[in-house]
Every structure is written in C-alpha cells, then in structure tokens.
C-alpha atoms as a PDB file:
ATOM      1  CA  MET A   1     101.605  73.808 105.095  1.00  0.00           C
ATOM      2  CA  GLY A   2     103.797  70.977 103.794  1.00  0.00           C
ATOM      3  CA  ILE A   3     102.889  67.295 103.740  1.00  0.00           C
ATOM      4  CA  LYS A   4     105.294  66.483 106.568  1.00  0.00           C
ATOM      5  CA  GLU A   5     103.698  69.059 108.838  1.00  0.00           C
ATOM      6  CA  LEU A   6     100.211  67.929 107.826  1.00  0.00           C
ATOM      7  CA  MET A   7     100.995  64.313 108.688  1.00  0.00           C
ATOM      8  CA  THR A   8     102.895  64.865 111.953  1.00  0.00           C
ATOM      9  CA  PRO A   9     100.830  64.506 115.150  1.00  0.00           C
ATOM     10  CA  LYS A  10     101.299  66.984 117.978  1.00  0.00           C
ATOM     11  CA  PRO A  11     101.332  65.806 121.591  1.00  0.00           C
ATOM     12  CA  ALA A  12      98.144  66.588 123.500  1.00  0.00           C
ATOM     13  CA  ARG A  13      96.948  65.822 127.017  1.00  0.00           C
ATOM     14  CA  ILE A  14      93.736  64.047 127.996  1.00  0.00           C
ATOM     15  CA  VAL A  15      92.022  66.273 130.582  1.00  0.00           C
ATOM     16  CA  LYS A  16      88.724  64.424 131.126  1.00  0.00           C
ATOM     17  CA  VAL A  17      87.161  61.055 130.323  1.00  0.00           C
ATOM     18  CA  VAL A  18      83.404  60.408 130.443  1.00  0.00           C
ATOM     19  CA  ASP A  19      81.742  56.992 130.248  1.00  0.00           C
ATOM     20  CA  GLU A  20      78.884  57.499 127.774  1.00  0.00           C
ATOM     21  CA  ALA A  21      77.478  54.027 127.148  1.00  0.00           C
ATOM     22  CA  LEU A  22      78.476  50.388 126.963  1.00  0.00           C
ATOM     23  CA  ASN A  23      81.942  50.309 125.374  1.00  0.00           C
ATOM     24  CA  VAL A  24      81.868  54.057 124.576  1.00  0.00           C
ATOM     25  CA  LYS A  25      83.766  56.935 126.209  1.00  0.00           C
ATOM     26  CA  THR A  26      84.354  60.578 125.409  1.00  0.00           C
ATOM     27  CA  TYR A  27      87.942  61.790 125.700  1.00  0.00           C
ATOM     28  CA  TYR A  28      88.441  65.508 126.231  1.00  0.00           C
ATOM     29  CA  ILE A  29      91.799  66.584 124.857  1.00  0.00           C
ATOM     30  CA  GLU A  30      93.492  69.921 125.428  1.00  0.00           C
ATOM     31  CA  LEU A  31      94.452  71.269 122.020  1.00  0.00           C
ATOM     32  CA  PRO A  32      98.152  72.018 121.474  1.00  0.00           C
ATOM     33  CA  ARG A  33      99.182  75.639 121.087  1.00  0.00           C
ATOM     34  CA  GLY A  34      98.483  76.882 117.560  1.00  0.00           C
ATOM     35  CA  PHE A  35      96.092  74.026 116.780  1.00  0.00           C
ATOM     36  CA  GLU A  36      93.158  75.238 114.689  1.00  0.00           C
ATOM     37  CA  ARG A  37      89.796  75.122 116.456  1.00  0.00           C
ATOM     38  CA  PRO A  38      87.689  72.377 114.843  1.00  0.00           C
ATOM     39  CA  LYS A  39      84.210  73.067 113.504  1.00  0.00           C
ATOM     40  CA  PRO A  40      81.189  70.797 114.065  1.00  0.00           C
ATOM     41  CA  GLY A  41      81.411  67.878 111.649  1.00  0.00           C
ATOM     42  CA  GLN A  42      85.187  67.897 111.230  1.00  0.00           C
ATOM     43  CA  PHE A  43      87.467  65.160 112.551  1.00  0.00           C
ATOM     44  CA  ASN A  44      90.942  64.761 114.001  1.00  0.00           C
ATOM     45  CA  MET A  45      93.445  61.940 113.675  1.00  0.00           C
ATOM     46  CA  ILE A  46      94.287  60.520 117.103  1.00  0.00           C
ATOM     47  CA  TYR A  47      97.651  58.763 117.350  1.00  0.00           C
ATOM     48  CA  ILE A  48      98.756  56.226 119.952  1.00  0.00           C
ATOM     49  CA  PRO A  49     102.561  55.802 119.814  1.00  0.00           C
ATOM     50  CA  GLY A  50     103.587  52.313 118.816  1.00  0.00           C
ATOM     51  CA  VAL A  51     100.014  51.322 117.930  1.00  0.00           C
ATOM     52  CA  GLY A  52      98.615  53.517 115.170  1.00  0.00           C
ATOM     53  CA  GLU A  53      96.147  56.308 114.527  1.00  0.00           C
ATOM     54  CA  ILE A  54      92.437  56.596 113.787  1.00  0.00           C
ATOM     55  CA  PRO A  55      90.063  59.310 112.561  1.00  0.00           C
ATOM     56  CA  ILE A  56      87.583  60.422 115.223  1.00  0.00           C
ATOM     57  CA  SER A  57      84.857  63.001 114.735  1.00  0.00           C
ATOM     58  CA  VAL A  58      84.674  66.005 117.012  1.00  0.00           C
ATOM     59  CA  SER A  59      81.799  65.651 119.480  1.00  0.00           C
ATOM     60  CA  ASP A  60      82.407  68.739 121.625  1.00  0.00           C
ATOM     61  CA  ILE A  61      84.359  71.981 121.258  1.00  0.00           C
ATOM     62  CA  GLU A  62      84.866  74.445 124.093  1.00  0.00           C
ATOM     63  CA  ASN A  63      87.604  76.646 125.564  1.00  0.00           C
ATOM     64  CA  GLY A  64      90.572  75.009 123.851  1.00  0.00           C
ATOM     65  CA  VAL A  65      89.389  71.495 124.670  1.00  0.00           C
ATOM     66  CA  VAL A  66      87.911  69.122 122.099  1.00  0.00           C
ATOM     67  CA  GLY A  67      85.822  66.050 122.826  1.00  0.00           C
ATOM     68  CA  HIS A  68      86.130  62.811 120.862  1.00  0.00           C
ATOM     69  CA  THR A  69      83.567  60.096 121.492  1.00  0.00           C
ATOM     70  CA  VAL A  70      85.065  56.657 120.868  1.00  0.00           C
ATOM     71  CA  ARG A  71      83.518  53.213 120.527  1.00  0.00           C
ATOM     72  CA  PHE A  72      86.081  50.518 121.265  1.00  0.00           C
ATOM     73  CA  VAL A  73      86.181  48.314 118.179  1.00  0.00           C
ATOM     74  CA  GLY A  74      89.813  47.929 117.080  1.00  0.00           C
ATOM     75  CA  SER A  75      93.437  47.749 118.203  1.00  0.00           C
ATOM     76  CA  VAL A  76      93.964  51.513 118.530  1.00  0.00           C
ATOM     77  CA  THR A  77      90.719  52.115 120.387  1.00  0.00           C
ATOM     78  CA  TYR A  78      91.338  49.225 122.770  1.00  0.00           C
ATOM     79  CA  VAL A  79      94.641  50.810 123.790  1.00  0.00           C
ATOM     80  CA  LEU A  80      92.922  54.188 124.071  1.00  0.00           C
ATOM     81  CA  LYS A  81      90.366  52.543 126.376  1.00  0.00           C
ATOM     82  CA  ASN A  82      93.057  52.129 129.007  1.00  0.00           C
ATOM     83  CA  LEU A  83      94.222  55.751 128.905  1.00  0.00           C
ATOM     84  CA  GLY A  84      93.002  58.359 131.350  1.00  0.00           C
ATOM     85  CA  VAL A  85      93.391  61.915 132.568  1.00  0.00           C
ATOM     86  CA  GLY A  86      96.964  63.145 132.230  1.00  0.00           C
ATOM     87  CA  ASP A  87      97.949  60.684 129.513  1.00  0.00           C
ATOM     88  CA  ILE A  88      99.379  61.997 126.244  1.00  0.00           C
ATOM     89  CA  VAL A  89      98.166  61.151 122.746  1.00  0.00           C
ATOM     90  CA  GLY A  90      99.107  62.529 119.346  1.00  0.00           C
ATOM     91  CA  ILE A  91      96.636  64.671 117.436  1.00  0.00           C
ATOM     92  CA  ARG A  92      96.567  66.194 113.967  1.00  0.00           C
ATOM     93  CA  GLY A  93      93.847  68.039 112.099  1.00  0.00           C
ATOM     94  CA  PRO A  94      91.235  69.296 111.991  1.00  0.00           C
ATOM     95  CA  TYR A  95      90.259  67.773 108.653  1.00  0.00           C
ATOM     96  CA  GLY A  96      87.249  67.670 106.406  1.00  0.00           C
ATOM     97  CA  LYS A  97      84.273  69.870 105.674  1.00  0.00           C
ATOM     98  CA  PRO A  98      81.994  70.843 108.584  1.00  0.00           C
ATOM     99  CA  TRP A  99      78.223  70.860 108.836  1.00  0.00           C
ATOM    100  CA  PRO A 100      77.047  73.994 106.944  1.00  0.00           C
ATOM    101  CA  LEU A 101      75.158  75.336 109.952  1.00  0.00           C
ATOM    102  CA  ASN A 102      75.883  79.005 109.229  1.00  0.00           C
ATOM    103  CA  ASP A 103      74.261  78.650 105.801  1.00  0.00           C
ATOM    104  CA  TYR A 104      70.917  77.906 107.452  1.00  0.00           C
ATOM    105  CA  VAL A 105      70.482  80.660 110.006  1.00  0.00           C
ATOM    106  CA  GLY A 106      66.749  81.158 110.507  1.00  0.00           C
ATOM    107  CA  LYS A 107      65.891  77.671 109.252  1.00  0.00           C
ATOM    108  CA  ASP A 108      64.504  74.678 111.137  1.00  0.00           C
ATOM    109  CA  ILE A 109      67.215  72.076 111.784  1.00  0.00           C
ATOM    110  CA  LEU A 110      66.306  68.382 111.776  1.00  0.00           C
ATOM    111  CA  ILE A 111      68.941  66.025 113.170  1.00  0.00           C
ATOM    112  CA  VAL A 112      68.603  62.285 112.538  1.00  0.00           C
ATOM    113  CA  ALA A 113      71.196  60.112 114.264  1.00  0.00           C
ATOM    114  CA  GLY A 114      71.707  56.401 114.728  1.00  0.00           C
ATOM    115  CA  GLY A 115      73.981  54.868 117.373  1.00  0.00           C
ATOM    116  CA  ILE A 116      77.444  56.404 117.542  1.00  0.00           C
ATOM    117  CA  GLY A 117      76.287  58.733 114.736  1.00  0.00           C
ATOM    118  CA  LEU A 118      75.058  61.183 117.360  1.00  0.00           C
ATOM    119  CA  ALA A 119      78.688  62.027 118.193  1.00  0.00           C
ATOM    120  CA  PRO A 120      79.447  64.146 115.061  1.00  0.00           C
ATOM    121  CA  LEU A 121      76.084  65.899 115.563  1.00  0.00           C
ATOM    122  CA  ARG A 122      76.413  66.683 119.255  1.00  0.00           C
ATOM    123  CA  SER A 123      78.493  69.796 118.605  1.00  0.00           C
ATOM    124  CA  VAL A 124      75.822  70.988 116.144  1.00  0.00           C
ATOM    125  CA  ILE A 125      73.164  70.653 118.834  1.00  0.00           C
ATOM    126  CA  LYS A 126      75.313  72.537 121.325  1.00  0.00           C
ATOM    127  CA  GLU A 127      76.049  75.290 118.808  1.00  0.00           C
ATOM    128  CA  ILE A 128      72.331  75.751 118.112  1.00  0.00           C
ATOM    129  CA  LEU A 129      71.492  75.831 121.831  1.00  0.00           C
ATOM    130  CA  ARG A 130      74.226  78.418 122.447  1.00  0.00           C
ATOM    131  CA  ASN A 131      72.752  80.575 119.667  1.00  0.00           C
ATOM    132  CA  ARG A 132      69.106  79.617 120.065  1.00  0.00           C
ATOM    133  CA  GLY A 133      67.688  82.817 118.608  1.00  0.00           C
ATOM    134  CA  LYS A 134      69.533  82.379 115.296  1.00  0.00           C
ATOM    135  CA  PHE A 135      67.715  79.214 114.270  1.00  0.00           C
ATOM    136  CA  GLY A 136      64.155  77.966 113.980  1.00  0.00           C
ATOM    137  CA  LYS A 137      62.877  74.733 115.432  1.00  0.00           C
ATOM    138  CA  LEU A 138      65.422  72.090 116.454  1.00  0.00           C
ATOM    139  CA  THR A 139      64.276  68.486 116.057  1.00  0.00           C
ATOM    140  CA  LEU A 140      66.404  65.539 117.185  1.00  0.00           C
ATOM    141  CA  LEU A 141      65.455  62.004 116.161  1.00  0.00           C
ATOM    142  CA  TYR A 142      67.863  59.550 117.753  1.00  0.00           C
ATOM    143  CA  GLY A 143      67.919  55.780 117.850  1.00  0.00           C
ATOM    144  CA  ALA A 144      70.161  53.202 119.515  1.00  0.00           C
ATOM    145  CA  ARG A 145      70.166  49.426 119.847  1.00  0.00           C
ATOM    146  CA  THR A 146      69.154  49.389 123.515  1.00  0.00           C
ATOM    147  CA  PRO A 147      68.564  51.984 126.267  1.00  0.00           C
ATOM    148  CA  LYS A 148      72.070  51.270 127.570  1.00  0.00           C
ATOM    149  CA  ASP A 149      73.512  52.254 124.171  1.00  0.00           C
ATOM    150  CA  LEU A 150      72.029  55.768 124.141  1.00  0.00           C
ATOM    151  CA  LEU A 151      74.783  58.383 124.155  1.00  0.00           C
ATOM    152  CA  TYR A 152      74.921  61.540 126.272  1.00  0.00           C
ATOM    153  CA  LYS A 153      72.073  60.495 128.557  1.00  0.00           C
ATOM    154  CA  HIS A 154      73.212  63.203 130.990  1.00  0.00           C
ATOM    155  CA  GLU A 155      72.475  65.845 128.316  1.00  0.00           C
ATOM    156  CA  LEU A 156      69.336  64.577 126.576  1.00  0.00           C
ATOM    157  CA  GLY A 157      67.105  65.993 129.308  1.00  0.00           C
ATOM    158  CA  SER A 158      68.510  69.492 128.860  1.00  0.00           C
ATOM    159  CA  TYR A 159      67.892  69.240 125.112  1.00  0.00           C
ATOM    160  CA  CYS A 160      64.227  68.500 125.834  1.00  0.00           C
ATOM    161  CA  ASN A 161      63.951  71.610 128.000  1.00  0.00           C
ATOM    162  CA  ALA A 162      65.323  73.957 125.334  1.00  0.00           C
ATOM    163  CA  PRO A 163      62.804  76.307 123.678  1.00  0.00           C
ATOM    164  CA  ASN A 164      61.297  75.360 120.294  1.00  0.00           C
ATOM    165  CA  THR A 165      62.907  71.917 120.443  1.00  0.00           C
ATOM    166  CA  GLU A 166      61.461  68.461 119.804  1.00  0.00           C
ATOM    167  CA  ILE A 167      63.311  65.313 120.895  1.00  0.00           C
ATOM    168  CA  LEU A 168      62.172  61.808 119.936  1.00  0.00           C
ATOM    169  CA  LEU A 169      64.161  58.768 121.037  1.00  0.00           C
ATOM    170  CA  THR A 170      63.835  55.129 120.079  1.00  0.00           C
ATOM    171  CA  VAL A 171      65.608  51.826 120.693  1.00  0.00           C
ATOM    172  CA  ASP A 172      65.660  48.621 118.664  1.00  0.00           C
ATOM    173  CA  ARG A 173      65.270  46.450 121.767  1.00  0.00           C
ATOM    174  CA  ALA A 174      63.633  47.762 124.912  1.00  0.00           C
ATOM    175  CA  ASP A 175      64.228  46.612 128.477  1.00  0.00           C
ATOM    176  CA  GLU A 176      61.986  46.785 131.541  1.00  0.00           C
ATOM    177  CA  THR A 177      63.021  50.415 132.220  1.00  0.00           C
ATOM    178  CA  TRP A 178      62.239  51.806 128.754  1.00  0.00           C
ATOM    179  CA  ARG A 179      59.023  53.780 128.256  1.00  0.00           C
ATOM    180  CA  GLY A 180      59.789  55.376 124.892  1.00  0.00           C
ATOM    181  CA  HIS A 181      59.484  54.364 121.238  1.00  0.00           C
ATOM    182  CA  VAL A 182      60.713  50.978 120.030  1.00  0.00           C
ATOM    183  CA  GLY A 183      61.914  50.495 116.457  1.00  0.00           C
ATOM    184  CA  VAL A 184      64.396  51.931 113.989  1.00  0.00           C
ATOM    185  CA  VAL A 185      65.000  55.674 113.975  1.00  0.00           C
ATOM    186  CA  THR A 186      63.403  56.161 110.549  1.00  0.00           C
ATOM    187  CA  LYS A 187      60.038  55.271 112.123  1.00  0.00           C
ATOM    188  CA  LEU A 188      60.249  58.545 114.067  1.00  0.00           C
ATOM    189  CA  ILE A 189      60.267  60.731 110.953  1.00  0.00           C
ATOM    190  CA  PRO A 190      56.487  60.598 110.315  1.00  0.00           C
ATOM    191  CA  LYS A 191      55.887  61.290 114.037  1.00  0.00           C
ATOM    192  CA  ALA A 192      57.943  64.517 114.069  1.00  0.00           C
ATOM    193  CA  LYS A 193      56.393  67.897 113.286  1.00  0.00           C
ATOM    194  CA  ILE A 194      58.446  68.883 110.230  1.00  0.00           C
ATOM    195  CA  ASP A 195      57.827  71.868 107.959  1.00  0.00           C
ATOM    196  CA  PRO A 196      59.503  70.761 104.708  1.00  0.00           C
ATOM    197  CA  GLU A 197      59.551  74.295 103.318  1.00  0.00           C
ATOM    198  CA  ARG A 198      61.892  75.598 105.999  1.00  0.00           C
ATOM    199  CA  THR A 199      63.775  72.504 107.185  1.00  0.00           C
ATOM    200  CA  VAL A 200      67.296  71.235 106.509  1.00  0.00           C
ATOM    201  CA  ALA A 201      68.289  67.752 107.711  1.00  0.00           C
ATOM    202  CA  PHE A 202      71.672  66.658 109.091  1.00  0.00           C
ATOM    203  CA  VAL A 203      72.012  62.860 109.169  1.00  0.00           C
ATOM    204  CA  CYS A 204      74.651  60.511 110.591  1.00  0.00           C
ATOM    205  CA  GLY A 205      74.647  56.822 111.389  1.00  0.00           C
ATOM    206  CA  PRO A 206      75.265  53.464 109.715  1.00  0.00           C
ATOM    207  CA  GLU A 207      75.042  53.818 105.942  1.00  0.00           C
ATOM    208  CA  ILE A 208      72.050  51.500 105.655  1.00  0.00           C
ATOM    209  CA  MET A 209      70.225  53.669 108.193  1.00  0.00           C
ATOM    210  CA  MET A 210      71.094  56.816 106.226  1.00  0.00           C
ATOM    211  CA  ARG A 211      69.834  55.285 102.979  1.00  0.00           C
ATOM    212  CA  PHE A 212      66.442  54.604 104.530  1.00  0.00           C
ATOM    213  CA  THR A 213      66.450  58.000 106.251  1.00  0.00           C
ATOM    214  CA  VAL A 214      66.813  59.739 102.883  1.00  0.00           C
ATOM    215  CA  ILE A 215      63.841  57.758 101.561  1.00  0.00           C
ATOM    216  CA  GLU A 216      61.672  58.687 104.538  1.00  0.00           C
ATOM    217  CA  LEU A 217      62.695  62.354 104.407  1.00  0.00           C
ATOM    218  CA  ALA A 218      61.631  62.472 100.759  1.00  0.00           C
ATOM    219  CA  LYS A 219      58.213  61.133 101.783  1.00  0.00           C
ATOM    220  CA  VAL A 220      57.683  64.108 104.126  1.00  0.00           C
ATOM    221  CA  GLY A 221      58.730  66.585 101.439  1.00  0.00           C
ATOM    222  CA  LEU A 222      62.454  67.216 101.847  1.00  0.00           C
ATOM    223  CA  LYS A 223      64.424  67.564  98.626  1.00  0.00           C
ATOM    224  CA  PRO A 224      67.984  66.262  98.050  1.00  0.00           C
ATOM    225  CA  ASN A 225      69.405  69.786  98.474  1.00  0.00           C
ATOM    226  CA  GLN A 226      67.882  69.926 101.983  1.00  0.00           C
ATOM    227  CA  ILE A 227      69.721  66.836 103.250  1.00  0.00           C
ATOM    228  CA  TYR A 228      73.332  66.531 104.439  1.00  0.00           C
ATOM    229  CA  LEU A 229      75.061  63.264 105.350  1.00  0.00           C
ATOM    230  CA  SER A 230      78.190  62.503 107.358  1.00  0.00           C
ATOM    231  CA  LEU A 231      80.204  59.658 105.837  1.00  0.00           C
ATOM    232  CA  GLU A 232      83.202  58.074 107.509  1.00  0.00           C
ATOM    233  CA  ARG A 233      84.133  55.362 105.019  1.00  0.00           C
ATOM    234  CA  ARG A 234      87.510  53.793 105.598  1.00  0.00           C
ATOM    235  CA  MET A 235      89.387  57.027 106.273  1.00  0.00           C
ATOM    236  CA  ARG A 236      93.072  56.536 106.942  1.00  0.00           C
ATOM    237  CA  CYS A 237      95.424  59.440 106.083  1.00  0.00           C
ATOM    238  CA  GLY A 238      92.924  62.290 106.591  1.00  0.00           C
ATOM    239  CA  VAL A 239      94.251  64.449 103.751  1.00  0.00           C
ATOM    240  CA  GLY A 240      93.299  62.661 100.520  1.00  0.00           C
ATOM    241  CA  LEU A 241      96.693  61.058  99.817  1.00  0.00           C
ATOM    242  CA  CYS A 242      96.190  57.334 100.357  1.00  0.00           C
ATOM    243  CA  GLY A 243      92.926  56.899  98.430  1.00  0.00           C
ATOM    244  CA  HIS A 244      91.581  54.516 101.060  1.00  0.00           C
ATOM    245  CA  CYS A 245      88.319  56.451 101.465  1.00  0.00           C
ATOM    246  CA  GLN A 246      87.671  57.125  97.770  1.00  0.00           C
ATOM    247  CA  MET A 247      84.024  57.160  96.721  1.00  0.00           C
ATOM    248  CA  GLY A 248      83.652  57.671  92.991  1.00  0.00           C
ATOM    249  CA  PRO A 249      85.826  60.715  92.177  1.00  0.00           C
ATOM    250  CA  TYR A 250      85.743  62.003  95.766  1.00  0.00           C
ATOM    251  CA  PHE A 251      87.762  61.393  98.919  1.00  0.00           C
ATOM    252  CA  VAL A 252      85.615  61.275 102.038  1.00  0.00           C
ATOM    253  CA  CYS A 253      88.361  62.753 104.224  1.00  0.00           C
ATOM    254  CA  LYS A 254      88.985  65.693 101.905  1.00  0.00           C
ATOM    255  CA  HIS A 255      85.696  66.439 100.121  1.00  0.00           C
ATOM    256  CA  GLY A 256      83.629  65.311 103.138  1.00  0.00           C
ATOM    257  CA  PRO A 257      82.950  63.833 105.564  1.00  0.00           C
ATOM    258  CA  ILE A 258      79.902  66.128 105.330  1.00  0.00           C
ATOM    259  CA  PHE A 259      78.259  65.900 101.909  1.00  0.00           C
ATOM    260  CA  PRO A 260      75.078  67.393 100.479  1.00  0.00           C
ATOM    261  CA  TYR A 261      72.989  64.405  99.462  1.00  0.00           C
ATOM    262  CA  TRP A 262      72.442  65.676  95.915  1.00  0.00           C
ATOM    263  CA  PHE A 263      76.213  65.896  95.455  1.00  0.00           C
ATOM    264  CA  ILE A 264      76.921  62.215  96.171  1.00  0.00           C
ATOM    265  CA  LYS A 265      73.538  60.652  95.446  1.00  0.00           C
ATOM    266  CA  LYS A 266      74.610  58.396  92.563  1.00  0.00           C
ATOM    267  CA  TYR A 267      77.662  57.110  94.470  1.00  0.00           C
ATOM    268  CA  PHE A 268      76.066  56.816  97.887  1.00  0.00           C
ATOM    269  CA  GLU A 269      73.380  54.475  96.574  1.00  0.00           C
ATOM    270  CA  VAL A 270      75.928  51.976  95.204  1.00  0.00           C
ATOM    271  CA  GLU A 271      76.962  49.598  97.988  1.00  0.00           C
ATOM    272  CA  GLU A 272      80.148  48.392  96.303  1.00  0.00           C
ATOM    273  CA  ILE A 273      81.741  51.848  96.075  1.00  0.00           C
END
C-alpha cells in the first residue's frame, strides 16, 4: 500500500452514539468496505473535513462496526461532539500493535486502567468474556476522578457477574452515592488476588499513573516481561512519518501504542522524552 493510500481517509457513517460519562461519548462507526478489522489495542485516525484528524483507540469491535470512545478536549473533538447518527466522518487505519492477548491463552489477565484509559482495554475485556474458557482469571482494577467519570457504567455490572472475574473500582473523590473504594487506582493492586506466576498485566491511563502502577506490580511479584503498557504520546500521522510521537528510537504510532514494559523501560521512565 502506497503512502497516498495510507494517508487518505475513507468516508464512514456514524451508526450509534452513547453518552458514557461527563464530556465523553462513544461513537460507533460502520467500517467502509474493504477496511481491515481492527484488533484490541489498535487505533484509527478520525477525520473531520475542514477541521482536522485525531488518533482514537478502538474501544469496541463487532459485526463491521467499531467503537471509538472520545473525551472532548480539543478542536476536532469539540466538532465531533456535535455529530450524531447518520453523519459522515473520515477514517483511516487500523494502525499500531495490538494487545498480545493470543500470546497468553490460559494465563490470568490483570487489567489496570485509569480514566479514559479503560477505552483501549474495553475490547480486551469483551474478547476475554466472549472466549471465557481460553483464559484464566480476569481482574479489572479501574479508577476515575469521580463516580460520574466512570466509563461504561452500563457494562461494569455484567463484568462482575462473569465467571472467575474480579472487579475493583475506585474514585479519587467520592460523592454521597459512592460506596466503593476511594483513592488512586494503584491502591487497589495490593487488594486484588493476583498470582504473579501466571499473570500478565495490561495497563493504560495517564503516564504518571502507569509509572506508579509498574512500581506496585513489581511489589506483588510481576516482572517487566509480564507488563504491557498502552502509550498515546502526541500521535499525529499514525504511520511513523512525521516523528511527532518519537520516544527514543521508537515511534509510538508504529512500534506501539502497545509496548512490553521491558522494551521501553529506559525511555518510559524519562519524563522529557
């Protein structure tokens, strides 16, 4: 595939929009004919004509429709906020390396997510639940700023009811309705029942949260080769041409966004990179 074809968005229709949390929606987009089916952890570039384009992780994949969960924080997303069912956007992708879920059949899967970081992990959870017998214990540790900021509240209950599954939720600031844990998500790690010999961790959230998550996972016995991180630093072109997302010798959009922790350890721990 040539560069022109790689960089040219295809028109795609929005078929459903779901309000997830304060200032967050999931847009379900019908994939154009011939568009490759994304894998959990990959991302697409979403283009708004006359405004620009942004990389958005895949949060759901089913029957030719892909979900993208968007927090409205910039010019492109604020225009997207006003679009609805039947509107057309441009889409290109999928790009990046996915979560290596198939490499860990039979293993326990620990998911640690902070804020909007649950979005790139949602499709992993759904894939495990669809193939429950192929994997060991599923543990989800998820934190948000407030109860109103928790994503996918309509699904979290069904996760709890799945066999061999442990779900722990926390918020930084509780309100009068909250009866769960209060504090940062890393405080949940010692509370979870984790077997370090058979567990692999998938982590996504703000980078400071991921740095502390790695430290806490090491305390419970996980090694660097048992931890995978999703990074979304400053991606722009999606194909490793512009250099905007370079981290050391790697491009997040091309060599990631999913990285084994051991692979990027010395770069990930340097804030200036």
